[in-house]
Amino acid sequence: MKGFRFSSEQGSFYILPAPGGWEATFGNASLGEFSSPERAAADLARGVCPHASEVDTSTFEIPEGIGDWDEVHV
Protein backbone atom coordinates (compact mmCIF):
# COMPACT_ATOMS: atom_id res chain seq x y z
CA MET A 1 0.00 0.00 0.00
CA LYS A 2 1.11 3.54 -0.54
CA GLY A 3 0.63 6.74 1.37
CA PHE A 4 1.93 10.27 1.11
CA ARG A 5 4.22 12.55 3.17
CA PHE A 6 4.93 16.26 3.16
CA SER A 7 7.88 17.36 5.29
CA SER A 8 7.91 20.85 6.78
CA GLU A 9 10.37 22.50 9.14
CA GLN A 10 7.91 21.83 11.99
CA GLY A 11 7.41 18.14 11.19
CA SER A 12 5.87 15.76 8.67
CA PHE A 13 2.29 15.45 7.51
CA TYR A 14 1.06 12.04 6.37
CA ILE A 15 -1.93 10.90 4.35
CA LEU A 16 -2.33 7.17 4.86
CA PRO A 17 -4.91 4.52 3.99
CA ALA A 18 -7.52 4.01 6.70
CA PRO A 19 -10.64 1.87 6.96
CA GLY A 20 -13.17 3.44 4.61
CA GLY A 21 -10.88 6.17 3.28
CA TRP A 22 -7.71 8.10 4.14
CA GLU A 23 -6.42 9.63 7.37
CA ALA A 24 -4.23 12.72 7.62
CA THR A 25 -1.83 13.05 10.55
CA PHE A 26 0.74 15.48 11.90
CA GLY A 27 3.04 14.02 14.51
CA ASN A 28 0.84 11.77 16.63
CA ALA A 29 -2.31 13.85 16.01
CA SER A 30 -5.05 12.84 13.61
CA LEU A 31 -6.22 15.71 11.43
CA GLY A 32 -9.25 13.85 10.14
CA GLU A 33 -10.49 11.29 7.67
CA PHE A 34 -10.95 12.03 3.99
CA SER A 35 -12.51 10.33 0.97
CA SER A 36 -9.31 10.50 -1.09
CA PRO A 37 -5.67 11.57 -0.76
CA GLU A 38 -6.34 14.38 -3.24
CA ARG A 39 -9.12 15.77 -1.01
CA ALA A 40 -6.92 15.45 2.07
CA ALA A 41 -4.03 17.36 0.46
CA ALA A 42 -6.32 20.13 -0.78
CA ASP A 43 -8.08 20.50 2.58
CA LEU A 44 -4.81 20.48 4.53
CA ALA A 45 -3.40 23.19 2.23
CA ARG A 46 -6.50 25.33 2.86
CA GLY A 47 -6.59 24.67 6.61
CA VAL A 48 -9.88 22.77 6.42
CA CYS A 49 -9.40 19.78 8.73
CA PRO A 50 -12.04 18.07 10.86
CA HIS A 51 -9.72 17.56 13.87
CA ALA A 52 -7.11 20.31 13.57
CA SER A 53 -8.28 22.47 16.47
CA GLU A 54 -4.74 23.18 17.67
CA VAL A 55 -2.98 23.29 14.28
CA ASP A 56 -3.72 25.77 11.47
CA THR A 57 -2.47 23.71 8.56
CA SER A 58 -2.83 26.64 6.15
CA THR A 59 0.29 28.23 7.70
CA PHE A 60 2.62 25.34 6.71
CA GLU A 61 2.73 26.00 2.92
CA ILE A 62 1.41 22.50 2.26
CA PRO A 63 1.09 21.74 -1.46
CA GLU A 64 -2.49 21.41 -2.61
CA GLY A 65 -1.72 18.79 -5.26
CA ILE A 66 -1.00 15.25 -4.08
CA GLY A 67 1.59 14.96 -6.86
CA ASP A 68 3.78 17.39 -4.91
CA TRP A 69 3.84 15.09 -1.87
CA ASP A 70 6.39 12.29 -1.41
CA GLU A 71 5.04 8.77 -1.91
CA VAL A 72 5.70 6.39 1.00
CA HIS A 73 5.02 2.68 1.29
CA VAL A 74 3.14 1.43 4.35
PDB file of N, CA and C in Angstrom:
ATOM      1  N   MET A   1       0.840  -1.187   0.000  1.00  0.00           N
ATOM      2  CA  MET A   1       0.000   0.000   0.000  1.00  0.00           C
ATOM      3  C   MET A   1       0.879   1.242   0.000  1.00  0.00           C
ATOM      4  N   LYS A   2       0.341   2.304  -0.544  1.00  0.00           N
ATOM      5  CA  LYS A   2       1.107   3.537  -0.540  1.00  0.00           C
ATOM      6  C   LYS A   2       0.363   4.627   0.208  1.00  0.00           C
ATOM      7  N   GLY A   3       1.142   5.556   0.719  1.00  0.00           N
ATOM      8  CA  GLY A   3       0.633   6.739   1.366  1.00  0.00           C
ATOM      9  C   GLY A   3       1.455   7.921   0.886  1.00  0.00           C
ATOM     10  N   PHE A   4       1.275   9.052   1.548  1.00  0.00           N
ATOM     11  CA  PHE A   4       1.931  10.267   1.110  1.00  0.00           C
ATOM     12  C   PHE A   4       2.466  11.041   2.313  1.00  0.00           C
ATOM     13  N   ARG A   5       3.593  11.769   2.088  1.00  0.00           N
ATOM     14  CA  ARG A   5       4.217  12.547   3.166  1.00  0.00           C
ATOM     15  C   ARG A   5       4.628  13.913   2.618  1.00  0.00           C
ATOM     16  N   PHE A   6       4.389  14.935   3.434  1.00  0.00           N
ATOM     17  CA  PHE A   6       4.927  16.264   3.162  1.00  0.00           C
ATOM     18  C   PHE A   6       5.726  16.675   4.388  1.00  0.00           C
ATOM     19  N   SER A   7       7.004  16.967   4.186  1.00  0.00           N
ATOM     20  CA  SER A   7       7.877  17.357   5.294  1.00  0.00           C
ATOM     21  C   SER A   7       7.997  18.867   5.358  1.00  0.00           C
ATOM     22  N   SER A   8       7.736  19.413   6.543  1.00  0.00           N
ATOM     23  CA  SER A   8       7.906  20.846   6.784  1.00  0.00           C
ATOM     24  C   SER A   8       8.977  21.025   7.854  1.00  0.00           C
ATOM     25  N   GLU A   9       9.379  22.240   8.096  1.00  0.00           N
ATOM     26  CA  GLU A   9      10.370  22.504   9.144  1.00  0.00           C
ATOM     27  C   GLU A   9       9.838  22.132  10.529  1.00  0.00           C
ATOM     28  N   GLN A  10       8.521  22.143  10.697  1.00  0.00           N
ATOM     29  CA  GLN A  10       7.908  21.830  11.987  1.00  0.00           C
ATOM     30  C   GLN A  10       7.608  20.352  12.171  1.00  0.00           C
ATOM     31  N   GLY A  11       7.710  19.567  11.110  1.00  0.00           N
ATOM     32  CA  GLY A  11       7.414  18.141  11.191  1.00  0.00           C
ATOM     33  C   GLY A  11       6.787  17.643   9.906  1.00  0.00           C
ATOM     34  N   SER A  12       6.416  16.381   9.890  1.00  0.00           N
ATOM     35  CA  SER A  12       5.872  15.764   8.673  1.00  0.00           C
ATOM     36  C   SER A  12       4.374  15.532   8.780  1.00  0.00           C
ATOM     37  N   PHE A  13       3.704  15.764   7.672  1.00  0.00           N
ATOM     38  CA  PHE A  13       2.287  15.453   7.508  1.00  0.00           C
ATOM     39  C   PHE A  13       2.197  14.160   6.708  1.00  0.00           C
ATOM     40  N   TYR A  14       1.279  13.303   7.083  1.00  0.00           N
ATOM     41  CA  TYR A  14       1.064  12.044   6.370  1.00  0.00           C
ATOM     42  C   TYR A  14      -0.392  11.923   5.960  1.00  0.00           C
ATOM     43  N   ILE A  15      -0.607  11.322   4.809  1.00  0.00           N
ATOM     44  CA  ILE A  15      -1.929  10.905   4.347  1.00  0.00           C
ATOM     45  C   ILE A  15      -1.800   9.417   4.078  1.00  0.00           C
ATOM     46  N   LEU A  16      -2.495   8.622   4.901  1.00  0.00           N
ATOM     47  CA  LEU A  16      -2.327   7.169   4.856  1.00  0.00           C
ATOM     48  C   LEU A  16      -3.672   6.474   4.705  1.00  0.00           C
ATOM     49  N   PRO A  17      -3.666   5.274   4.102  1.00  0.00           N
ATOM     50  CA  PRO A  17      -4.910   4.518   3.994  1.00  0.00           C
ATOM     51  C   PRO A  17      -5.483   4.224   5.373  1.00  0.00           C
ATOM     52  N   ALA A  18      -6.800   4.311   5.459  1.00  0.00           N
ATOM     53  CA  ALA A  18      -7.522   4.013   6.705  1.00  0.00           C
ATOM     54  C   ALA A  18      -8.793   3.256   6.324  1.00  0.00           C
ATOM     55  N   PRO A  19      -9.389   2.571   7.275  1.00  0.00           N
ATOM     56  CA  PRO A  19     -10.643   1.870   6.962  1.00  0.00           C
ATOM     57  C   PRO A  19     -11.693   2.843   6.407  1.00  0.00           C
ATOM     58  N   GLY A  20     -12.130   2.598   5.203  1.00  0.00           N
ATOM     59  CA  GLY A  20     -13.168   3.436   4.605  1.00  0.00           C
ATOM     60  C   GLY A  20     -12.672   4.734   3.991  1.00  0.00           C
ATOM     61  N   GLY A  21     -11.370   4.930   3.882  1.00  0.00           N
ATOM     62  CA  GLY A  21     -10.884   6.170   3.281  1.00  0.00           C
ATOM     63  C   GLY A  21      -9.421   6.418   3.565  1.00  0.00           C
ATOM     64  N   TRP A  22      -9.085   7.668   3.899  1.00  0.00           N
ATOM     65  CA  TRP A  22      -7.715   8.095   4.140  1.00  0.00           C
ATOM     66  C   TRP A  22      -7.670   8.952   5.393  1.00  0.00           C
ATOM     67  N   GLU A  23      -6.588   8.832   6.156  1.00  0.00           N
ATOM     68  CA  GLU A  23      -6.417   9.631   7.374  1.00  0.00           C
ATOM     69  C   GLU A  23      -5.195  10.520   7.221  1.00  0.00           C
ATOM     70  N   ALA A  24      -5.347  11.781   7.607  1.00  0.00           N
ATOM     71  CA  ALA A  24      -4.229  12.718   7.616  1.00  0.00           C
ATOM     72  C   ALA A  24      -3.739  12.871   9.046  1.00  0.00           C
ATOM     73  N   THR A  25      -2.415  12.891   9.220  1.00  0.00           N
ATOM     74  CA  THR A  25      -1.835  13.047  10.551  1.00  0.00           C
ATOM     75  C   THR A  25      -0.690  14.048  10.513  1.00  0.00           C
ATOM     76  N   PHE A  26      -0.411  14.611  11.685  1.00  0.00           N
ATOM     77  CA  PHE A  26       0.743  15.479  11.896  1.00  0.00           C
ATOM     78  C   PHE A  26       1.308  15.094  13.249  1.00  0.00           C
ATOM     79  N   GLY A  27       2.516  14.576  13.265  1.00  0.00           N
ATOM     80  CA  GLY A  27       3.039  14.017  14.505  1.00  0.00           C
ATOM     81  C   GLY A  27       2.172  12.841  14.908  1.00  0.00           C
ATOM     82  N   ASN A  28       1.730  12.837  16.148  1.00  0.00           N
ATOM     83  CA  ASN A  28       0.837  11.773  16.626  1.00  0.00           C
ATOM     84  C   ASN A  28      -0.635  12.165  16.556  1.00  0.00           C
ATOM     85  N   ALA A  29      -0.931  13.346  16.020  1.00  0.00           N
ATOM     86  CA  ALA A  29      -2.306  13.853  16.012  1.00  0.00           C
ATOM     87  C   ALA A  29      -3.002  13.541  14.688  1.00  0.00           C
ATOM     88  N   SER A  30      -4.217  13.036  14.789  1.00  0.00           N
ATOM     89  CA  SER A  30      -5.046  12.836  13.611  1.00  0.00           C
ATOM     90  C   SER A  30      -5.667  14.171  13.221  1.00  0.00           C
ATOM     91  N   LEU A  31      -5.610  14.485  11.937  1.00  0.00           N
ATOM     92  CA  LEU A  31      -6.216  15.714  11.431  1.00  0.00           C
ATOM     93  C   LEU A  31      -7.559  15.456  10.773  1.00  0.00           C
ATOM     94  N   GLY A  32      -7.944  14.195  10.689  1.00  0.00           N
ATOM     95  CA  GLY A  32      -9.247  13.853  10.143  1.00  0.00           C
ATOM     96  C   GLY A  32      -9.181  12.770   9.096  1.00  0.00           C
ATOM     97  N   GLU A  33     -10.362  12.316   8.698  1.00  0.00           N
ATOM     98  CA  GLU A  33     -10.487  11.294   7.666  1.00  0.00           C
ATOM     99  C   GLU A  33     -11.051  11.944   6.412  1.00  0.00           C
ATOM    100  N   PHE A  34     -10.604  11.436   5.264  1.00  0.00           N
ATOM    101  CA  PHE A  34     -10.955  12.034   3.990  1.00  0.00           C
ATOM    102  C   PHE A  34     -11.309  10.942   2.993  1.00  0.00           C
ATOM    103  N   SER A  35     -12.068  11.315   1.963  1.00  0.00           N
ATOM    104  CA  SER A  35     -12.511  10.330   0.972  1.00  0.00           C
ATOM    105  C   SER A  35     -11.408   9.937  -0.002  1.00  0.00           C
ATOM    106  N   SER A  36     -10.393  10.787  -0.162  1.00  0.00           N
ATOM    107  CA  SER A  36      -9.309  10.500  -1.094  1.00  0.00           C
ATOM    108  C   SER A  36      -8.055  11.253  -0.657  1.00  0.00           C
ATOM    109  N   PRO A  37      -6.880  10.820  -1.102  1.00  0.00           N
ATOM    110  CA  PRO A  37      -5.669  11.567  -0.758  1.00  0.00           C
ATOM    111  C   PRO A  37      -5.658  12.953  -1.406  1.00  0.00           C
ATOM    112  N   GLU A  38      -6.265  13.082  -2.578  1.00  0.00           N
ATOM    113  CA  GLU A  38      -6.344  14.385  -3.236  1.00  0.00           C
ATOM    114  C   GLU A  38      -7.155  15.373  -2.403  1.00  0.00           C
ATOM    115  N   ARG A  39      -8.282  14.916  -1.861  1.00  0.00           N
ATOM    116  CA  ARG A  39      -9.123  15.765  -1.014  1.00  0.00           C
ATOM    117  C   ARG A  39      -8.376  16.133   0.262  1.00  0.00           C
ATOM    118  N   ALA A  40      -7.672  15.178   0.848  1.00  0.00           N
ATOM    119  CA  ALA A  40      -6.920  15.449   2.075  1.00  0.00           C
ATOM    120  C   ALA A  40      -5.851  16.514   1.837  1.00  0.00           C
ATOM    121  N   ALA A  41      -5.084  16.381   0.759  1.00  0.00           N
ATOM    122  CA  ALA A  41      -4.032  17.357   0.463  1.00  0.00           C
ATOM    123  C   ALA A  41      -4.621  18.750   0.256  1.00  0.00           C
ATOM    124  N   ALA A  42      -5.691  18.827  -0.511  1.00  0.00           N
ATOM    125  CA  ALA A  42      -6.318  20.126  -0.784  1.00  0.00           C
ATOM    126  C   ALA A  42      -6.860  20.760   0.493  1.00  0.00           C
ATOM    127  N   ASP A  43      -7.523  19.965   1.337  1.00  0.00           N
ATOM    128  CA  ASP A  43      -8.079  20.499   2.582  1.00  0.00           C
ATOM    129  C   ASP A  43      -6.980  20.908   3.558  1.00  0.00           C
ATOM    130  N   LEU A  44      -5.914  20.113   3.655  1.00  0.00           N
ATOM    131  CA  LEU A  44      -4.807  20.482   4.530  1.00  0.00           C
ATOM    132  C   LEU A  44      -4.177  21.797   4.070  1.00  0.00           C
ATOM    133  N   ALA A  45      -4.002  21.960   2.768  1.00  0.00           N
ATOM    134  CA  ALA A  45      -3.402  23.190   2.233  1.00  0.00           C
ATOM    135  C   ALA A  45      -4.254  24.411   2.558  1.00  0.00           C
ATOM    136  N   ARG A  46      -5.577  24.220   2.584  1.00  0.00           N
ATOM    137  CA  ARG A  46      -6.502  25.329   2.860  1.00  0.00           C
ATOM    138  C   ARG A  46      -6.782  25.519   4.353  1.00  0.00           C
ATOM    139  N   GLY A  47      -6.316  24.570   5.179  1.00  0.00           N
ATOM    140  CA  GLY A  47      -6.588  24.667   6.611  1.00  0.00           C
ATOM    141  C   GLY A  47      -7.956  24.157   7.009  1.00  0.00           C
ATOM    142  N   VAL A  48      -8.550  23.323   6.158  1.00  0.00           N
ATOM    143  CA  VAL A  48      -9.885  22.771   6.417  1.00  0.00           C
ATOM    144  C   VAL A  48      -9.723  21.331   6.875  1.00  0.00           C
ATOM    145  N   CYS A  49      -9.612  21.123   8.183  1.00  0.00           N
ATOM    146  CA  CYS A  49      -9.401  19.780   8.726  1.00  0.00           C
ATOM    147  C   CYS A  49     -10.390  19.525   9.859  1.00  0.00           C
ATOM    148  N   PRO A  50     -11.043  18.368   9.839  1.00  0.00           N
ATOM    149  CA  PRO A  50     -12.042  18.069  10.864  1.00  0.00           C
ATOM    150  C   PRO A  50     -11.507  18.080  12.293  1.00  0.00           C
ATOM    151  N   HIS A  51     -10.240  17.701  12.510  1.00  0.00           N
ATOM    152  CA  HIS A  51      -9.716  17.555  13.868  1.00  0.00           C
ATOM    153  C   HIS A  51      -8.505  18.438  14.156  1.00  0.00           C
ATOM    154  N   ALA A  52      -8.313  19.486  13.398  1.00  0.00           N
ATOM    155  CA  ALA A  52      -7.112  20.309  13.565  1.00  0.00           C
ATOM    156  C   ALA A  52      -7.384  21.533  14.432  1.00  0.00           C
ATOM    157  N   SER A  53      -7.926  21.333  15.612  1.00  0.00           N
ATOM    158  CA  SER A  53      -8.276  22.468  16.467  1.00  0.00           C
ATOM    159  C   SER A  53      -7.054  23.215  16.975  1.00  0.00           C
ATOM    160  N   GLU A  54      -5.928  22.535  17.135  1.00  0.00           N
ATOM    161  CA  GLU A  54      -4.736  23.180  17.669  1.00  0.00           C
ATOM    162  C   GLU A  54      -3.712  23.516  16.588  1.00  0.00           C
ATOM    163  N   VAL A  55      -3.943  23.090  15.363  1.00  0.00           N
ATOM    164  CA  VAL A  55      -2.980  23.294  14.278  1.00  0.00           C
ATOM    165  C   VAL A  55      -3.688  23.964  13.102  1.00  0.00           C
ATOM    166  N   ASP A  56      -3.198  25.133  12.680  1.00  0.00           N
ATOM    167  CA  ASP A  56      -3.720  25.772  11.472  1.00  0.00           C
ATOM    168  C   ASP A  56      -2.845  25.326  10.316  1.00  0.00           C
ATOM    169  N   THR A  57      -3.293  24.302   9.610  1.00  0.00           N
ATOM    170  CA  THR A  57      -2.466  23.707   8.560  1.00  0.00           C
ATOM    171  C   THR A  57      -2.230  24.657   7.390  1.00  0.00           C
ATOM    172  N   SER A  58      -3.029  25.702   7.258  1.00  0.00           N
ATOM    173  CA  SER A  58      -2.832  26.642   6.146  1.00  0.00           C
ATOM    174  C   SER A  58      -1.552  27.458   6.300  1.00  0.00           C
ATOM    175  N   THR A  59      -0.932  27.454   7.471  1.00  0.00           N
ATOM    176  CA  THR A  59       0.290  28.230   7.704  1.00  0.00           C
ATOM    177  C   THR A  59       1.564  27.448   7.377  1.00  0.00           C
ATOM    178  N   PHE A  60       1.455  26.200   6.941  1.00  0.00           N
ATOM    179  CA  PHE A  60       2.617  25.344   6.705  1.00  0.00           C
ATOM    180  C   PHE A  60       3.054  25.287   5.239  1.00  0.00           C
ATOM    181  N   GLU A  61       2.417  26.026   4.348  1.00  0.00           N
ATOM    182  CA  GLU A  61       2.727  26.003   2.920  1.00  0.00           C
ATOM    183  C   GLU A  61       2.667  24.580   2.350  1.00  0.00           C
ATOM    184  N   ILE A  62       1.631  23.864   2.741  1.00  0.00           N
ATOM    185  CA  ILE A  62       1.408  22.496   2.263  1.00  0.00           C
ATOM    186  C   ILE A  62       0.942  22.551   0.810  1.00  0.00           C
ATOM    187  N   PRO A  63       1.540  21.745  -0.059  1.00  0.00           N
ATOM    188  CA  PRO A  63       1.092  21.743  -1.457  1.00  0.00           C
ATOM    189  C   PRO A  63      -0.311  21.170  -1.591  1.00  0.00           C
ATOM    190  N   GLU A  64      -1.107  21.827  -2.421  1.00  0.00           N
ATOM    191  CA  GLU A  64      -2.491  21.405  -2.610  1.00  0.00           C
ATOM    192  C   GLU A  64      -2.608  20.152  -3.467  1.00  0.00           C
ATOM    193  N   GLY A  65      -1.681  19.949  -4.378  1.00  0.00           N
ATOM    194  CA  GLY A  65      -1.718  18.795  -5.263  1.00  0.00           C
ATOM    195  C   GLY A  65      -0.979  17.607  -4.671  1.00  0.00           C
ATOM    196  N   ILE A  66      -1.612  16.449  -4.668  1.00  0.00           N
ATOM    197  CA  ILE A  66      -0.997  15.250  -4.075  1.00  0.00           C
ATOM    198  C   ILE A  66       0.269  14.850  -4.836  1.00  0.00           C
ATOM    199  N   GLY A  67       0.392  15.254  -6.085  1.00  0.00           N
ATOM    200  CA  GLY A  67       1.590  14.961  -6.863  1.00  0.00           C
ATOM    201  C   GLY A  67       2.844  15.643  -6.331  1.00  0.00           C
ATOM    202  N   ASP A  68       2.655  16.671  -5.515  1.00  0.00           N
ATOM    203  CA  ASP A  68       3.777  17.390  -4.914  1.00  0.00           C
ATOM    204  C   ASP A  68       4.189  16.796  -3.568  1.00  0.00           C
ATOM    205  N   TRP A  69       3.492  15.783  -3.109  1.00  0.00           N
ATOM    206  CA  TRP A  69       3.838  15.087  -1.870  1.00  0.00           C
ATOM    207  C   TRP A  69       4.766  13.919  -2.216  1.00  0.00           C
ATOM    208  N   ASP A  70       5.550  13.469  -1.226  1.00  0.00           N
ATOM    209  CA  ASP A  70       6.389  12.286  -1.406  1.00  0.00           C
ATOM    210  C   ASP A  70       5.537  11.044  -1.223  1.00  0.00           C
ATOM    211  N   GLU A  71       5.749  10.049  -2.064  1.00  0.00           N
ATOM    212  CA  GLU A  71       5.044   8.771  -1.911  1.00  0.00           C
ATOM    213  C   GLU A  71       5.824   7.914  -0.914  1.00  0.00           C
ATOM    214  N   VAL A  72       5.089   7.308   0.019  1.00  0.00           N
ATOM    215  CA  VAL A  72       5.701   6.390   1.000  1.00  0.00           C
ATOM    216  C   VAL A  72       4.954   5.074   0.941  1.00  0.00           C
ATOM    217  N   HIS A  73       5.650   4.006   1.286  1.00  0.00           N
ATOM    218  CA  HIS A  73       5.020   2.683   1.295  1.00  0.00           C
ATOM    219  C   HIS A  73       4.771   2.265   2.741  1.00  0.00           C
ATOM    220  N   VAL A  74       3.542   1.823   2.990  1.00  0.00           N
ATOM    221  CA  VAL A  74       3.144   1.429   4.350  1.00  0.00           C
ATOM    222  C   VAL A  74       2.687  -0.007   4.376  1.00  0.00           C
TER     223      VAL A  74
END
